[in-house]
Amino acid sequence: MHSEKWRVRLFQAILSLDEMPARCPVIPEAGELGYEARHLLYGRGNGVYPIIFHIREDERHVRVLRVWHASRDAITAADVHFGAWQE
């Protein structure tokens, strides 16, 4: 049951990006990626997960690129490849 509650709250956090996604900071790796990827931190303590996303102003939505455990190495362009919809 704990994992179900965690998953529901994760999706609630993602859905919160519907309102003011630009409130979240641009990730330091954005320069390497070539676009303004941002992150919303989800969780606490040793269980923090940055939700990496990109705001699509022209389409008026956000696209979640990756949910990344904070203890992992820095994110790279290969980690968030998003193919055909890249600007």
Protein backbone atom coordinates (compact mmCIF):
# COMPACT_ATOMS: atom_id res chain seq x y z
CA MET A 1 0.00 0.00 0.00
CA HIS A 2 2.88 2.40 0.65
CA SER A 3 3.97 2.19 -3.00
CA GLU A 4 0.43 2.97 -4.19
CA LYS A 5 0.27 6.07 -1.98
CA TRP A 6 3.72 7.15 -3.22
CA ARG A 7 2.64 6.74 -6.86
CA VAL A 8 -0.62 8.66 -6.35
CA ARG A 9 1.25 11.53 -4.71
CA LEU A 10 3.86 11.52 -7.49
CA PHE A 11 1.10 11.95 -10.07
CA GLN A 12 -0.49 14.69 -7.96
CA ALA A 13 2.85 16.52 -7.98
CA ILE A 14 3.09 16.13 -11.76
CA LEU A 15 -0.48 17.36 -12.22
CA SER A 16 0.37 20.43 -10.09
CA LEU A 17 2.53 21.56 -13.01
CA ASP A 18 -0.72 22.51 -14.72
CA GLU A 19 -0.61 25.74 -12.73
CA MET A 20 2.46 27.95 -13.09
CA PRO A 21 5.08 25.41 -14.21
CA ALA A 22 7.60 28.24 -14.59
CA ARG A 23 7.68 28.44 -10.77
CA CYS A 24 10.13 25.55 -10.91
CA PRO A 25 13.81 26.29 -11.50
CA VAL A 26 15.73 25.52 -14.66
CA ILE A 27 18.11 22.62 -14.07
CA PRO A 28 21.86 23.33 -14.14
CA GLU A 29 22.28 20.86 -17.03
CA ALA A 30 19.93 22.89 -19.30
CA GLY A 31 22.89 24.41 -21.16
CA GLU A 32 24.10 20.96 -22.21
CA LEU A 33 20.57 19.93 -23.18
CA GLY A 34 19.99 23.00 -25.35
CA TYR A 35 16.57 23.88 -23.91
CA GLU A 36 15.09 25.06 -20.61
CA ALA A 37 14.42 21.82 -18.79
CA ARG A 38 13.09 22.46 -15.29
CA HIS A 39 12.56 20.35 -12.22
CA LEU A 40 9.99 19.93 -9.49
CA LEU A 41 11.29 18.12 -6.42
CA TYR A 42 9.07 15.33 -5.10
CA GLY A 43 9.64 13.43 -1.85
CA ARG A 44 11.65 13.96 1.30
CA GLY A 45 14.89 12.97 2.96
CA ASN A 46 16.72 10.25 1.04
CA GLY A 47 13.73 9.78 -1.24
CA VAL A 48 13.81 12.99 -3.28
CA TYR A 49 12.99 12.68 -6.98
CA PRO A 50 13.39 15.61 -9.36
CA ILE A 51 10.63 15.53 -11.95
CA ILE A 52 12.42 16.83 -15.05
CA PHE A 53 10.12 18.57 -17.53
CA HIS A 54 10.01 21.04 -20.39
CA ILE A 55 7.40 23.78 -20.88
CA ARG A 56 5.95 23.78 -24.39
CA GLU A 57 4.74 27.38 -24.63
CA ASP A 58 3.50 26.96 -28.21
CA GLU A 59 1.36 23.98 -27.21
CA ARG A 60 0.54 25.32 -23.74
CA HIS A 61 1.55 22.22 -21.81
CA VAL A 62 4.49 20.58 -20.09
CA ARG A 63 6.14 17.35 -21.07
CA VAL A 64 7.66 15.23 -18.32
CA LEU A 65 11.00 13.97 -19.55
CA ARG A 66 12.24 11.95 -16.60
CA VAL A 67 11.71 11.24 -12.92
CA TRP A 68 15.21 11.02 -11.50
CA HIS A 69 16.35 9.94 -8.02
CA ALA A 70 18.35 12.79 -6.51
CA SER A 71 21.24 10.50 -5.50
CA ARG A 72 21.97 9.72 -9.18
CA ASP A 73 24.64 11.48 -11.21
CA ALA A 74 23.85 14.69 -13.06
CA ILE A 75 21.42 14.27 -15.91
CA THR A 76 22.69 14.28 -19.50
CA ALA A 77 21.07 14.91 -22.87
CA ALA A 78 20.92 11.14 -23.46
CA ASP A 79 18.89 10.74 -20.26
CA VAL A 80 16.11 13.01 -21.50
CA HIS A 81 16.13 12.45 -25.26
CA PHE A 82 12.74 13.47 -26.55
CA GLY A 83 13.12 12.92 -30.28
CA ALA A 84 10.75 14.41 -32.82
CA TRP A 85 9.14 17.07 -30.66
CA GLN A 86 12.47 18.79 -29.87
CA GLU A 87 12.48 22.52 -30.62
